[in-house]
C-alpha atoms as a PDB file:
ATOM      1  CA  ARG A   1       8.968 -24.596 -10.212  1.00  0.00           C
ATOM      2  CA  GLU A   2       9.827 -23.402 -13.673  1.00  0.00           C
ATOM      3  CA  LEU A   3       7.359 -21.112 -15.399  1.00  0.00           C
ATOM      4  CA  PRO A   4       7.141 -20.008 -19.016  1.00  0.00           C
ATOM      5  CA  ARG A   5       8.578 -16.616 -19.908  1.00  0.00           C
ATOM      6  CA  SER A   6       6.050 -13.861 -19.319  1.00  0.00           C
ATOM      7  CA  ASP A   7       5.851 -10.123 -18.775  1.00  0.00           C
ATOM      8  CA  ILE A   8       3.545 -10.800 -15.820  1.00  0.00           C
ATOM      9  CA  HIS A   9       4.291 -13.076 -12.870  1.00  0.00           C
ATOM     10  CA  MET A  10       2.590 -12.482  -9.558  1.00  0.00           C
ATOM     11  CA  LEU A  11       4.015 -13.650  -6.236  1.00  0.00           C
ATOM     12  CA  ASP A  12       2.870 -13.233  -2.649  1.00  0.00           C
ATOM     13  CA  VAL A  13       3.728 -14.785   0.700  1.00  0.00           C
ATOM     14  CA  ALA A  14       1.683 -14.804   3.932  1.00  0.00           C
ATOM     15  CA  ARG A  15       1.462 -16.663   7.210  1.00  0.00           C
ATOM     16  CA  PHE A  16      -1.772 -18.352   8.305  1.00  0.00           C
ATOM     17  CA  ASP A  17      -2.244 -20.564  11.342  1.00  0.00           C
ATOM     18  CA  SER A  18       1.555 -20.714  11.964  1.00  0.00           C
ATOM     19  CA  ARG A  19       2.279 -21.921   8.410  1.00  0.00           C
ATOM     20  CA  TRP A  20       3.774 -20.003   5.503  1.00  0.00           C
ATOM     21  CA  TYR A  21       1.982 -19.905   2.144  1.00  0.00           C
ATOM     22  CA  MET A  22       3.651 -18.814  -1.059  1.00  0.00           C
ATOM     23  CA  VAL A  23       1.522 -18.175  -4.130  1.00  0.00           C
ATOM     24  CA  VAL A  24       2.875 -17.876  -7.664  1.00  0.00           C
ATOM     25  CA  VAL A  25       0.709 -16.910 -10.632  1.00  0.00           C
ATOM     26  CA  SER A  26       1.766 -17.651 -14.177  1.00  0.00           C
ATOM     27  CA  ALA A  27      -0.284 -15.360 -16.412  1.00  0.00           C
ATOM     28  CA  VAL A  28       0.811 -17.230 -19.563  1.00  0.00           C
ATOM     29  CA  GLU A  29      -0.428 -20.563 -18.208  1.00  0.00           C
ATOM     30  CA  GLY A  30      -3.423 -19.061 -16.430  1.00  0.00           C
ATOM     31  CA  ARG A  31      -2.396 -21.099 -13.393  1.00  0.00           C
ATOM     32  CA  THR A  32      -1.960 -20.231  -9.740  1.00  0.00           C
ATOM     33  CA  TYR A  33       0.258 -22.430  -7.597  1.00  0.00           C
ATOM     34  CA  VAL A  34      -0.123 -22.455  -3.805  1.00  0.00           C
ATOM     35  CA  PHE A  35       2.768 -23.827  -1.736  1.00  0.00           C
ATOM     36  CA  ARG A  36       2.566 -24.540   2.003  1.00  0.00           C
ATOM     37  CA  ASP A  37       5.797 -24.128   4.000  1.00  0.00           C
ATOM     38  CA  PRO A  38       7.991 -24.248   0.867  1.00  0.00           C
ATOM     39  CA  GLU A  39      11.185 -23.384   2.750  1.00  0.00           C
ATOM     40  CA  ASN A  40      10.751 -26.364   5.088  1.00  0.00           C
ATOM     41  CA  LEU A  41      10.180 -28.655   2.105  1.00  0.00           C
ATOM     42  CA  ILE A  42      13.324 -27.401   0.380  1.00  0.00           C
ATOM     43  CA  LYS A  43      15.394 -27.825   3.552  1.00  0.00           C
ATOM     44  CA  ARG A  44      14.102 -31.387   4.072  1.00  0.00           C
ATOM     45  CA  GLU A  45      14.658 -32.489   0.476  1.00  0.00           C
ATOM     46  CA  PRO A  46      16.928 -29.960  -1.309  1.00  0.00           C
ATOM     47  CA  THR A  47      17.072 -31.905  -4.580  1.00  0.00           C
ATOM     48  CA  LYS A  48      13.300 -32.272  -4.879  1.00  0.00           C
ATOM     49  CA  LYS A  49      11.011 -29.531  -6.186  1.00  0.00           C
ATOM     50  CA  PRO A  50       8.215 -28.686  -3.734  1.00  0.00           C
ATOM     51  CA  ALA A  51       4.780 -29.757  -4.932  1.00  0.00           C
ATOM     52  CA  PRO A  52       1.957 -27.219  -4.649  1.00  0.00           C
ATOM     53  CA  VAL A  53      -0.945 -27.950  -2.310  1.00  0.00           C
ATOM     54  CA  ALA A  54      -3.216 -26.381  -4.927  1.00  0.00           C
ATOM     55  CA  ALA A  55      -3.073 -25.465  -8.607  1.00  0.00           C
ATOM     56  CA  MET A  56      -5.939 -23.245  -9.708  1.00  0.00           C
ATOM     57  CA  LYS A  57      -6.854 -22.419 -13.307  1.00  0.00           C
ATOM     58  CA  LEU A  58      -8.034 -18.930 -14.236  1.00  0.00           C
ATOM     59  CA  ASP A  59      -7.488 -17.353 -17.660  1.00  0.00           C
ATOM     60  CA  ASN A  60      -5.936 -13.855 -17.831  1.00  0.00           C
ATOM     61  CA  PRO A  61      -5.286 -13.343 -14.105  1.00  0.00           C
ATOM     62  CA  LYS A  62      -4.848  -9.655 -13.221  1.00  0.00           C
ATOM     63  CA  ASN A  63      -4.820  -9.541  -9.419  1.00  0.00           C
ATOM     64  CA  LEU A  64      -3.511 -11.691  -6.574  1.00  0.00           C
ATOM     65  CA  SER A  65      -4.110 -11.046  -2.875  1.00  0.00           C
ATOM     66  CA  PHE A  66      -4.399 -12.640   0.544  1.00  0.00           C
ATOM     67  CA  SER A  67      -7.347 -11.811   2.806  1.00  0.00           C
ATOM     68  CA  THR A  68      -6.574  -9.600   5.788  1.00  0.00           C
ATOM     69  CA  ASN A  69      -6.348 -12.671   8.048  1.00  0.00           C
ATOM     70  CA  SER A  70      -4.370 -14.585   5.350  1.00  0.00           C
ATOM     71  CA  ARG A  71      -6.820 -17.503   5.370  1.00  0.00           C
ATOM     72  CA  PHE A  72      -7.857 -16.982   1.743  1.00  0.00           C
ATOM     73  CA  VAL A  73      -5.829 -16.257  -1.357  1.00  0.00           C
ATOM     74  CA  VAL A  74      -7.712 -14.946  -4.380  1.00  0.00           C
ATOM     75  CA  VAL A  75      -6.808 -14.528  -8.005  1.00  0.00           C
ATOM     76  CA  GLN A  76      -9.024 -12.261 -10.102  1.00  0.00           C
ATOM     77  CA  SER A  77      -9.638 -11.985 -13.820  1.00  0.00           C
ATOM     78  CA  GLY A  78     -12.337  -9.410 -14.503  1.00  0.00           C
ATOM     79  CA  SER A  79     -15.487 -10.690 -12.791  1.00  0.00           C
ATOM     80  CA  ALA A  80     -14.103 -14.236 -12.332  1.00  0.00           C
ATOM     81  CA  PHE A  81     -12.297 -15.417  -9.204  1.00  0.00           C
ATOM     82  CA  ALA A  82     -10.360 -18.467  -8.026  1.00  0.00           C
ATOM     83  CA  VAL A  83      -9.928 -18.865  -4.260  1.00  0.00           C
ATOM     84  CA  TYR A  84      -7.848 -21.152  -2.079  1.00  0.00           C
ATOM     85  CA  ASP A  85      -9.042 -21.619   1.514  1.00  0.00           C
ATOM     86  CA  SER A  86      -6.051 -22.535   3.715  1.00  0.00           C
ATOM     87  CA  GLU A  87      -8.194 -23.502   6.706  1.00  0.00           C
ATOM     88  CA  ASP A  88     -10.465 -25.947   4.871  1.00  0.00           C
ATOM     89  CA  THR A  89      -7.822 -26.813   2.213  1.00  0.00           C
ATOM     90  CA  ARG A  90     -10.265 -26.333  -0.652  1.00  0.00           C
ATOM     91  CA  GLN A  91     -10.502 -24.418  -3.906  1.00  0.00           C
ATOM     92  CA  LEU A  92     -13.433 -22.325  -5.088  1.00  0.00           C
ATOM     93  CA  ARG A  93     -14.262 -20.685  -8.395  1.00  0.00           C
ATOM     94  CA  PHE A  94     -17.009 -18.200  -9.095  1.00  0.00           C
ATOM     95  CA  ASP A  95     -18.017 -15.395 -11.421  1.00  0.00           C
ATOM     96  CA  THR A  96     -19.819 -12.345 -10.047  1.00  0.00           C
ATOM     97  CA  LYS A  97     -21.006 -11.456 -13.593  1.00  0.00           C
ATOM     98  CA  LEU A  98     -20.374  -7.789 -12.748  1.00  0.00           C
ATOM     99  CA  LYS A  99     -19.311  -5.417 -15.496  1.00  0.00           C
ATOM    100  CA  THR A 100     -15.661  -4.709 -14.779  1.00  0.00           C
ATOM    101  CA  SER A 101     -12.827  -2.898 -16.465  1.00  0.00           C
ATOM    102  CA  ALA A 102      -9.109  -3.611 -16.224  1.00  0.00           C
ATOM    103  CA  THR A 103      -8.893  -1.185 -13.296  1.00  0.00           C
ATOM    104  CA  ASP A 104     -11.775  -2.723 -11.298  1.00  0.00           C
ATOM    105  CA  ILE A 105      -9.755  -4.708  -8.781  1.00  0.00           C
ATOM    106  CA  ALA A 106     -11.412  -6.417  -5.833  1.00  0.00           C
ATOM    107  CA  THR A 107      -9.912  -5.607  -2.443  1.00  0.00           C
ATOM    108  CA  TRP A 108     -10.375  -7.315   0.902  1.00  0.00           C
ATOM    109  CA  MET A 109     -12.772  -5.566   3.257  1.00  0.00           C
ATOM    110  CA  ASP A 110     -11.868  -7.934   6.087  1.00  0.00           C
ATOM    111  CA  GLY A 111     -10.825 -11.564   6.483  1.00  0.00           C
ATOM    112  CA  HIS A 112     -13.885 -12.977   4.683  1.00  0.00           C
ATOM    113  CA  ARG A 113     -15.380 -10.301   2.407  1.00  0.00           C
ATOM    114  CA  MET A 114     -14.219  -8.407  -0.658  1.00  0.00           C
ATOM    115  CA  THR A 115     -15.329  -5.124  -2.211  1.00  0.00           C
ATOM    116  CA  ILE A 116     -15.200  -3.993  -5.818  1.00  0.00           C
ATOM    117  CA  LEU A 117     -16.242  -0.887  -7.713  1.00  0.00           C
ATOM    118  CA  SER A 118     -18.495  -1.729 -10.627  1.00  0.00           C
ATOM    119  CA  GLU A 119     -20.583   0.729 -12.639  1.00  0.00           C
ATOM    120  CA  GLY A 120     -20.119   3.450 -10.023  1.00  0.00           C
ATOM    121  CA  LYS A 121     -21.330   1.291  -7.159  1.00  0.00           C
ATOM    122  CA  LEU A 122     -19.346  -0.266  -4.348  1.00  0.00           C
ATOM    123  CA  ARG A 123     -20.313  -3.902  -4.026  1.00  0.00           C
ATOM    124  CA  VAL A 124     -19.380  -6.421  -1.353  1.00  0.00           C
ATOM    125  CA  PHE A 125     -19.406 -10.216  -1.493  1.00  0.00           C
ATOM    126  CA  ASP A 126     -18.221 -13.168   0.563  1.00  0.00           C
ATOM    127  CA  PHE A 127     -14.975 -15.030  -0.190  1.00  0.00           C
ATOM    128  CA  ASP A 128     -17.007 -17.677  -2.052  1.00  0.00           C
ATOM    129  CA  GLY A 129     -18.916 -15.188  -4.239  1.00  0.00           C
ATOM    130  CA  ASN A 130     -22.138 -15.406  -2.237  1.00  0.00           C
ATOM    131  CA  ASN A 131     -24.114 -12.556  -0.668  1.00  0.00           C
ATOM    132  CA  LEU A 132     -23.339  -9.967  -3.372  1.00  0.00           C
ATOM    133  CA  GLN A 133     -24.695  -6.614  -2.166  1.00  0.00           C
ATOM    134  CA  ILE A 134     -24.522  -2.969  -3.216  1.00  0.00           C
ATOM    135  CA  LEU A 135     -23.192  -0.844  -0.374  1.00  0.00           C
ATOM    136  CA  ASN A 136     -23.116   2.637  -1.864  1.00  0.00           C
ATOM    137  CA  THR A 137     -22.654   4.786  -4.951  1.00  0.00           C
ATOM    138  CA  VAL A 138     -19.093   6.121  -5.086  1.00  0.00           C
ATOM    139  CA  GLU A 139     -16.885   8.191  -7.314  1.00  0.00           C
ATOM    140  CA  GLY A 140     -14.645   5.951  -9.428  1.00  0.00           C
ATOM    141  CA  GLY A 141     -11.235   5.096  -8.134  1.00  0.00           C
ATOM    142  CA  TYR A 142     -11.742   6.146  -4.520  1.00  0.00           C
ATOM    143  CA  GLY A 143     -12.925   2.845  -3.023  1.00  0.00           C
ATOM    144  CA  ALA A 144     -14.125   2.575   0.543  1.00  0.00           C
ATOM    145  CA  TYR A 145     -12.634   2.757   3.997  1.00  0.00           C
ATOM    146  CA  PHE A 146     -14.031   1.074   7.091  1.00  0.00           C
ATOM    147  CA  ASP A 147     -13.644   1.887  10.752  1.00  0.00           C
ATOM    148  CA  LYS A 148     -11.917  -0.750  12.891  1.00  0.00           C
ATOM    149  CA  ASP A 149     -15.195  -2.245  14.167  1.00  0.00           C
ATOM    150  CA  TYR A 150     -16.921  -2.222  10.745  1.00  0.00           C
ATOM    151  CA  LYS A 151     -19.706  -0.052  12.109  1.00  0.00           C
ATOM    152  CA  ALA A 152     -19.188   2.643   9.473  1.00  0.00           C
ATOM    153  CA  MET A 153     -17.945   2.935   5.900  1.00  0.00           C
ATOM    154  CA  PHE A 154     -16.422   6.081   4.409  1.00  0.00           C
ATOM    155  CA  THR A 155     -16.606   6.837   0.684  1.00  0.00           C
ATOM    156  CA  ILE A 156     -16.269   9.763  -1.702  1.00  0.00           C
ATOM    157  CA  GLY A 157     -19.518  10.463  -3.537  1.00  0.00           C
ATOM    158  CA  GLN A 158     -21.913  13.133  -4.776  1.00  0.00           C
ATOM    159  CA  SER A 159     -22.625  15.745  -2.140  1.00  0.00           C
ATOM    160  CA  THR A 160     -26.176  15.751  -0.831  1.00  0.00           C
ATOM    161  CA  SER A 161     -25.976  19.442   0.120  1.00  0.00           C
ATOM    162  CA  ALA A 162     -24.047  21.033  -2.778  1.00  0.00           C
ATOM    163  CA  SER A 163     -25.011  20.151  -6.354  1.00  0.00           C
ATOM    164  CA  GLY A 164     -22.120  19.117  -8.601  1.00  0.00           C
ATOM    165  CA  LYS A 165     -19.660  18.633  -5.747  1.00  0.00           C
ATOM    166  CA  ILE A 166     -18.278  15.550  -4.123  1.00  0.00           C
ATOM    167  CA  ALA A 167     -18.035  14.884  -0.405  1.00  0.00           C
ATOM    168  CA  LEU A 168     -16.796  12.411   2.160  1.00  0.00           C
ATOM    169  CA  GLN A 169     -19.765  10.253   3.097  1.00  0.00           C
ATOM    170  CA  ARG A 170     -20.237   8.154   6.217  1.00  0.00           C
ATOM    171  CA  THR A 171     -22.571   5.181   5.920  1.00  0.00           C
ATOM    172  CA  GLU A 172     -23.583   3.223   9.016  1.00  0.00           C
ATOM    173  CA  LEU A 173     -23.199  -0.514   8.424  1.00  0.00           C
ATOM    174  CA  ARG A 174     -25.168  -1.613  11.460  1.00  0.00           C
ATOM    175  CA  VAL A 175     -28.782  -0.616  11.956  1.00  0.00           C
ATOM    176  CA  ASN A 176     -30.360  -0.920  15.402  1.00  0.00           C
END
């Protein structure tokens, strides 16, 4: 595929369900192209350009990422998102309406949920934009870390025992 000249092109490749997915974002066009098994297509028909399985529109894309299980690919522009679901072969678009800056990039918490820092709070939401929740107040730029079973979250925030200091905080994610 030929793309217009741009200072920003994003590209990522991942394997999901024994198939390779290549994603190319053209910031100038505001388009994201998702290709399934592009190498096999090129080998089968070397003179033919592979057609994308999805072409998603999102103005001013700033971030591209696959979920931790590679099922979902997301493109972010501020509070707006475009998602391709490789398992259900569908596209989704949503806007969280959160106040975001150029540095507020959503990251994958796990295979189905994303987190983002917005206005000093760590928020989590599902791959389709639903179930938006505030998890914790955090110091900007530090993000969150989760244990392997997602029972606890670790963040950097205001100390509860020493005024004016920050501390590593553990927050239990499961309540019995």
